[in-house]
Amino acid sequence: MITKWLKGLFTLQTVHTTDVCEQVEFEGYTIVARARGEQGQFRVAGTISKQGQQTEFIRSDLCPDVTTANT
């Protein structure tokens, strides 16, 4: 599953989304993340919740241009 998820992030499609990942619990927090590749950006969006309070988050970074990286 992880291999499929990683391959999907770096396709040359303009917008790509994957299914919601399984919940992860860490020190009382429940984290549900979604990965997205969008116009040269790597994005992870999701929800963090603890004791009934939910916070939405999005994190994005520019991906290197793989079409010109080896020229």
N, C-alpha and C. Protein backbone atom coordinates (compact mmCIF):
# COMPACT_ATOMS: atom_id res chain seq x y z
N MET A 1 0.82 -1.20 0.00
CA MET A 1 0.00 0.00 0.00
C MET A 1 0.86 1.26 0.00
N ILE A 2 1.93 1.26 0.79
CA ILE A 2 2.79 2.44 0.87
C ILE A 2 3.46 2.70 -0.47
N THR A 3 3.91 1.63 -1.15
CA THR A 3 4.56 1.80 -2.44
C THR A 3 3.61 2.45 -3.44
N LYS A 4 2.37 1.99 -3.49
CA LYS A 4 1.37 2.57 -4.39
C LYS A 4 1.13 4.03 -4.05
N TRP A 5 1.07 4.34 -2.77
CA TRP A 5 0.85 5.71 -2.30
C TRP A 5 1.99 6.61 -2.74
N LEU A 6 3.25 6.15 -2.55
CA LEU A 6 4.40 6.96 -2.92
C LEU A 6 4.49 7.16 -4.43
N LYS A 7 4.23 6.12 -5.21
CA LYS A 7 4.24 6.25 -6.67
C LYS A 7 3.19 7.27 -7.12
N GLY A 8 2.04 7.27 -6.50
CA GLY A 8 0.97 8.19 -6.87
C GLY A 8 1.30 9.64 -6.59
N LEU A 9 2.17 9.90 -5.62
CA LEU A 9 2.51 11.27 -5.29
C LEU A 9 3.35 11.94 -6.36
N PHE A 10 4.13 11.15 -7.09
CA PHE A 10 5.09 11.73 -8.01
C PHE A 10 4.77 11.45 -9.47
N THR A 11 3.51 11.26 -9.78
CA THR A 11 3.10 11.10 -11.16
C THR A 11 3.10 12.47 -11.83
N LEU A 12 3.02 12.48 -13.14
CA LEU A 12 3.06 13.74 -13.88
C LEU A 12 1.67 14.33 -14.09
N GLN A 13 0.68 13.81 -13.42
CA GLN A 13 -0.66 14.36 -13.53
C GLN A 13 -0.73 15.72 -12.85
N THR A 14 -1.65 16.56 -13.31
CA THR A 14 -1.81 17.88 -12.72
C THR A 14 -2.30 17.78 -11.28
N VAL A 15 -3.32 17.00 -11.04
CA VAL A 15 -3.86 16.82 -9.69
C VAL A 15 -4.02 15.34 -9.44
N HIS A 16 -3.51 14.89 -8.32
CA HIS A 16 -3.65 13.48 -7.97
C HIS A 16 -3.96 13.38 -6.49
N THR A 17 -4.95 12.61 -6.15
CA THR A 17 -5.26 12.40 -4.74
C THR A 17 -5.28 10.90 -4.48
N THR A 18 -5.04 10.52 -3.26
CA THR A 18 -5.11 9.13 -2.86
C THR A 18 -6.22 8.97 -1.84
N ASP A 19 -6.54 7.74 -1.55
CA ASP A 19 -7.54 7.48 -0.52
C ASP A 19 -7.00 7.94 0.83
N VAL A 20 -7.92 8.18 1.73
CA VAL A 20 -7.53 8.57 3.09
C VAL A 20 -6.74 7.42 3.70
N CYS A 21 -5.63 7.76 4.31
CA CYS A 21 -4.80 6.75 4.98
C CYS A 21 -5.47 6.31 6.27
N GLU A 22 -4.98 5.22 6.81
CA GLU A 22 -5.51 4.76 8.08
C GLU A 22 -5.20 5.77 9.17
N GLN A 23 -6.03 5.77 10.19
CA GLN A 23 -5.80 6.64 11.35
C GLN A 23 -4.52 6.23 12.05
N VAL A 24 -3.81 7.22 12.56
CA VAL A 24 -2.62 6.97 13.37
C VAL A 24 -2.86 7.63 14.72
N GLU A 25 -2.61 6.91 15.78
CA GLU A 25 -2.75 7.49 17.12
C GLU A 25 -1.37 7.66 17.71
N PHE A 26 -1.11 8.86 18.25
CA PHE A 26 0.20 9.18 18.82
C PHE A 26 0.01 10.09 20.01
N GLU A 27 0.40 9.63 21.18
CA GLU A 27 0.33 10.39 22.42
C GLU A 27 -1.02 11.08 22.62
N GLY A 28 -2.09 10.34 22.38
CA GLY A 28 -3.43 10.86 22.60
C GLY A 28 -4.03 11.60 21.42
N TYR A 29 -3.25 11.83 20.36
CA TYR A 29 -3.74 12.50 19.16
C TYR A 29 -4.14 11.46 18.13
N THR A 30 -5.19 11.73 17.38
CA THR A 30 -5.58 10.90 16.25
C THR A 30 -5.31 11.70 14.99
N ILE A 31 -4.53 11.15 14.08
CA ILE A 31 -4.13 11.86 12.87
C ILE A 31 -4.63 11.08 11.66
N VAL A 32 -5.35 11.76 10.78
CA VAL A 32 -5.80 11.18 9.51
C VAL A 32 -5.28 12.10 8.42
N ALA A 33 -4.41 11.57 7.56
CA ALA A 33 -3.77 12.41 6.54
C ALA A 33 -4.16 11.95 5.14
N ARG A 34 -4.11 12.88 4.19
CA ARG A 34 -4.33 12.61 2.77
C ARG A 34 -3.16 13.22 2.01
N ALA A 35 -2.64 12.48 1.07
CA ALA A 35 -1.53 12.99 0.26
C ALA A 35 -2.07 13.48 -1.08
N ARG A 36 -1.49 14.57 -1.58
CA ARG A 36 -1.91 15.12 -2.86
C ARG A 36 -0.70 15.67 -3.59
N GLY A 37 -0.65 15.45 -4.89
CA GLY A 37 0.34 16.10 -5.73
C GLY A 37 -0.40 17.09 -6.60
N GLU A 38 0.03 18.33 -6.62
CA GLU A 38 -0.73 19.34 -7.35
C GLU A 38 0.21 20.37 -7.95
N GLN A 39 0.32 20.40 -9.27
CA GLN A 39 1.10 21.39 -10.02
C GLN A 39 2.49 21.59 -9.44
N GLY A 40 3.25 20.51 -9.33
CA GLY A 40 4.63 20.62 -8.87
C GLY A 40 4.80 20.74 -7.37
N GLN A 41 3.73 20.59 -6.63
CA GLN A 41 3.84 20.67 -5.18
C GLN A 41 3.47 19.32 -4.56
N PHE A 42 4.16 19.00 -3.49
CA PHE A 42 3.82 17.83 -2.69
C PHE A 42 3.01 18.35 -1.52
N ARG A 43 1.81 17.84 -1.34
CA ARG A 43 0.95 18.33 -0.27
C ARG A 43 0.45 17.19 0.59
N VAL A 44 0.40 17.45 1.86
CA VAL A 44 -0.24 16.53 2.80
C VAL A 44 -1.27 17.36 3.56
N ALA A 45 -2.50 16.92 3.53
CA ALA A 45 -3.57 17.60 4.26
C ALA A 45 -4.25 16.58 5.14
N GLY A 46 -4.87 17.04 6.19
CA GLY A 46 -5.57 16.09 7.05
C GLY A 46 -6.16 16.73 8.28
N THR A 47 -6.46 15.89 9.23
CA THR A 47 -7.11 16.32 10.46
C THR A 47 -6.36 15.73 11.65
N ILE A 48 -6.13 16.56 12.65
CA ILE A 48 -5.57 16.12 13.92
C ILE A 48 -6.63 16.37 14.97
N SER A 49 -6.94 15.36 15.77
CA SER A 49 -7.95 15.55 16.81
C SER A 49 -7.47 14.99 18.14
N LYS A 50 -7.92 15.65 19.21
CA LYS A 50 -7.62 15.20 20.56
C LYS A 50 -8.75 15.66 21.46
N GLN A 51 -9.32 14.75 22.19
CA GLN A 51 -10.39 15.02 23.13
C GLN A 51 -11.53 15.83 22.50
N GLY A 52 -11.93 15.44 21.30
CA GLY A 52 -13.07 16.07 20.64
C GLY A 52 -12.76 17.35 19.88
N GLN A 53 -11.57 17.90 20.02
CA GLN A 53 -11.19 19.10 19.27
C GLN A 53 -10.46 18.69 18.00
N GLN A 54 -10.86 19.26 16.87
CA GLN A 54 -10.24 18.92 15.59
C GLN A 54 -9.54 20.12 15.00
N THR A 55 -8.41 19.87 14.39
CA THR A 55 -7.65 20.90 13.70
C THR A 55 -7.31 20.40 12.30
N GLU A 56 -7.65 21.18 11.29
CA GLU A 56 -7.29 20.84 9.91
C GLU A 56 -5.88 21.35 9.65
N PHE A 57 -5.12 20.61 8.86
CA PHE A 57 -3.79 21.09 8.51
C PHE A 57 -3.50 20.80 7.05
N ILE A 58 -2.58 21.59 6.49
CA ILE A 58 -2.07 21.35 5.14
C ILE A 58 -0.60 21.74 5.15
N ARG A 59 0.18 20.92 4.55
CA ARG A 59 1.61 21.18 4.45
C ARG A 59 1.99 20.98 2.99
N SER A 60 2.70 21.93 2.39
CA SER A 60 3.10 21.77 1.00
C SER A 60 4.55 22.21 0.82
N ASP A 61 5.23 21.53 -0.06
CA ASP A 61 6.60 21.86 -0.43
C ASP A 61 6.71 21.74 -1.94
N LEU A 62 7.59 22.53 -2.53
CA LEU A 62 7.80 22.43 -3.97
C LEU A 62 8.60 21.18 -4.27
N CYS A 63 8.18 20.46 -5.30
CA CYS A 63 8.93 19.29 -5.75
C CYS A 63 9.96 19.75 -6.77
N PRO A 64 11.10 19.08 -6.86
CA PRO A 64 12.07 19.44 -7.89
C PRO A 64 11.50 19.13 -9.26
N ASP A 65 11.90 19.90 -10.25
CA ASP A 65 11.45 19.66 -11.62
C ASP A 65 12.26 18.50 -12.18
N VAL A 66 11.68 17.32 -12.19
CA VAL A 66 12.42 16.13 -12.60
C VAL A 66 12.66 16.08 -14.10
N THR A 67 11.96 16.89 -14.88
CA THR A 67 12.16 16.87 -16.33
C THR A 67 13.44 17.59 -16.73
N THR A 68 13.94 18.52 -15.91
CA THR A 68 15.16 19.26 -16.26
C THR A 68 16.29 19.00 -15.28
N ALA A 69 16.08 18.16 -14.28
CA ALA A 69 17.10 17.95 -13.25
C ALA A 69 18.35 17.27 -13.79
N ASN A 70 18.23 16.46 -14.84
CA ASN A 70 19.39 15.72 -15.35
C ASN A 70 19.96 16.31 -16.63
N THR A 71 19.66 17.55 -16.93
CA THR A 71 20.17 18.14 -18.17
C THR A 71 21.37 19.00 -17.91
